[in-house]
Amino acid sequence: MDVAAPGVLFKSEAITTPNEIIRYLGTGGYEGEECDVTYNATLMSHP
């Protein structure tokens, strides 16, 4: 995508408990490799 459409961003959403979200964001050297922007709706609703 960097070559064909450099302006494209990949967005992800994980609907899971806040203590499990790290598995969806990448671990073991893969942090940030799957998408450019991510959010967790459950975490955003916690006070």
N, C-alpha and C. Protein backbone atom coordinates (compact mmCIF):
# COMPACT_ATOMS: atom_id res chain seq x y z
N MET A 1 0.81 -1.19 0.00
CA MET A 1 0.00 0.00 0.00
C MET A 1 0.86 1.26 0.00
N ASP A 2 2.04 1.20 0.57
CA ASP A 2 2.90 2.39 0.59
C ASP A 2 3.26 2.85 -0.81
N VAL A 3 3.35 1.93 -1.75
CA VAL A 3 3.70 2.28 -3.12
C VAL A 3 2.46 2.63 -3.93
N ALA A 4 1.43 1.80 -3.88
CA ALA A 4 0.24 1.98 -4.71
C ALA A 4 -0.65 3.13 -4.24
N ALA A 5 -0.78 3.30 -2.94
CA ALA A 5 -1.66 4.34 -2.40
C ALA A 5 -1.09 4.85 -1.07
N PRO A 6 -0.06 5.68 -1.11
CA PRO A 6 0.63 6.07 0.11
C PRO A 6 -0.22 6.87 1.10
N GLY A 7 -1.33 7.40 0.67
CA GLY A 7 -2.20 8.17 1.57
C GLY A 7 -3.19 7.32 2.35
N VAL A 8 -3.19 6.00 2.13
CA VAL A 8 -4.14 5.12 2.80
C VAL A 8 -3.63 4.74 4.19
N LEU A 9 -4.52 4.78 5.17
CA LEU A 9 -4.22 4.32 6.52
C LEU A 9 -5.07 3.10 6.82
N PHE A 10 -4.54 2.18 7.58
CA PHE A 10 -5.30 1.03 8.03
C PHE A 10 -5.76 1.28 9.45
N LYS A 11 -7.06 1.13 9.68
CA LYS A 11 -7.66 1.36 10.99
C LYS A 11 -8.20 0.04 11.52
N SER A 12 -8.02 -0.19 12.82
CA SER A 12 -8.58 -1.38 13.43
C SER A 12 -9.40 -1.00 14.64
N GLU A 13 -10.30 -1.88 14.99
CA GLU A 13 -11.13 -1.69 16.18
C GLU A 13 -11.17 -3.03 16.90
N ALA A 14 -10.93 -3.01 18.19
CA ALA A 14 -10.99 -4.22 18.99
C ALA A 14 -12.04 -4.04 20.08
N ILE A 15 -13.06 -4.87 20.07
CA ILE A 15 -14.08 -4.82 21.10
C ILE A 15 -13.80 -5.98 22.04
N THR A 16 -13.04 -5.69 23.06
CA THR A 16 -12.65 -6.70 24.04
C THR A 16 -12.37 -5.99 25.36
N THR A 17 -12.12 -6.75 26.38
CA THR A 17 -11.85 -6.14 27.68
C THR A 17 -10.48 -5.44 27.64
N PRO A 18 -10.34 -4.34 28.38
CA PRO A 18 -9.08 -3.59 28.34
C PRO A 18 -7.84 -4.42 28.67
N ASN A 19 -7.95 -5.41 29.54
CA ASN A 19 -6.77 -6.20 29.88
C ASN A 19 -6.37 -7.19 28.78
N GLU A 20 -7.20 -7.38 27.77
CA GLU A 20 -6.87 -8.28 26.66
C GLU A 20 -6.52 -7.54 25.37
N ILE A 21 -6.60 -6.22 25.39
CA ILE A 21 -6.42 -5.45 24.15
C ILE A 21 -5.02 -5.58 23.57
N ILE A 22 -4.01 -5.78 24.41
CA ILE A 22 -2.63 -5.84 23.91
C ILE A 22 -2.44 -6.95 22.88
N ARG A 23 -3.18 -8.03 22.99
CA ARG A 23 -3.06 -9.11 22.00
C ARG A 23 -3.49 -8.65 20.62
N TYR A 24 -4.38 -7.68 20.54
CA TYR A 24 -4.88 -7.20 19.25
C TYR A 24 -4.01 -6.10 18.66
N LEU A 25 -3.13 -5.51 19.47
CA LEU A 25 -2.29 -4.42 19.00
C LEU A 25 -0.91 -4.87 18.56
N GLY A 26 -0.54 -6.09 18.87
CA GLY A 26 0.74 -6.64 18.46
C GLY A 26 1.68 -6.80 19.64
N THR A 27 2.39 -7.91 19.66
CA THR A 27 3.37 -8.18 20.71
C THR A 27 4.59 -8.86 20.08
N GLY A 28 5.64 -8.96 20.84
CA GLY A 28 6.83 -9.70 20.39
C GLY A 28 7.52 -9.12 19.17
N GLY A 29 7.62 -7.81 19.10
CA GLY A 29 8.28 -7.18 17.96
C GLY A 29 7.35 -6.81 16.82
N TYR A 30 6.09 -7.14 16.93
CA TYR A 30 5.12 -6.83 15.88
C TYR A 30 4.24 -5.63 16.23
N GLU A 31 4.60 -4.88 17.27
CA GLU A 31 3.80 -3.73 17.67
C GLU A 31 3.73 -2.72 16.52
N GLY A 32 2.52 -2.31 16.18
CA GLY A 32 2.34 -1.31 15.14
C GLY A 32 2.52 -1.81 13.72
N GLU A 33 2.66 -3.09 13.51
CA GLU A 33 2.89 -3.62 12.16
C GLU A 33 1.60 -3.90 11.39
N GLU A 34 0.49 -4.03 12.06
CA GLU A 34 -0.75 -4.43 11.39
C GLU A 34 -1.59 -3.25 10.91
N CYS A 35 -1.58 -2.16 11.65
CA CYS A 35 -2.41 -1.03 11.26
C CYS A 35 -1.77 0.27 11.74
N ASP A 36 -2.26 1.39 11.19
CA ASP A 36 -1.72 2.70 11.55
C ASP A 36 -2.45 3.32 12.73
N VAL A 37 -3.74 3.06 12.83
CA VAL A 37 -4.57 3.64 13.88
C VAL A 37 -5.45 2.54 14.44
N THR A 38 -5.59 2.50 15.75
CA THR A 38 -6.46 1.51 16.36
C THR A 38 -7.15 2.11 17.57
N TYR A 39 -8.28 1.57 17.91
CA TYR A 39 -8.99 2.03 19.10
C TYR A 39 -9.77 0.88 19.70
N ASN A 40 -10.11 1.05 20.96
CA ASN A 40 -10.87 0.04 21.69
C ASN A 40 -12.09 0.73 22.26
N ALA A 41 -13.26 0.44 21.74
CA ALA A 41 -14.49 1.10 22.18
C ALA A 41 -14.78 0.85 23.65
N THR A 42 -14.49 -0.34 24.15
CA THR A 42 -14.72 -0.64 25.54
C THR A 42 -13.86 0.22 26.44
N LEU A 43 -12.58 0.36 26.11
CA LEU A 43 -11.66 1.17 26.90
C LEU A 43 -12.07 2.63 26.88
N MET A 44 -12.56 3.12 25.75
CA MET A 44 -12.97 4.53 25.65
C MET A 44 -14.17 4.83 26.53
N SER A 45 -14.96 3.85 26.86
CA SER A 45 -16.16 4.10 27.66
C SER A 45 -15.90 3.96 29.17
N HIS A 46 -14.68 3.54 29.54
CA HIS A 46 -14.35 3.44 30.98
C HIS A 46 -14.08 4.82 31.54
N PRO A 47 -14.62 5.10 32.75
CA PRO A 47 -14.37 6.42 33.35
C PRO A 47 -12.96 6.58 33.84
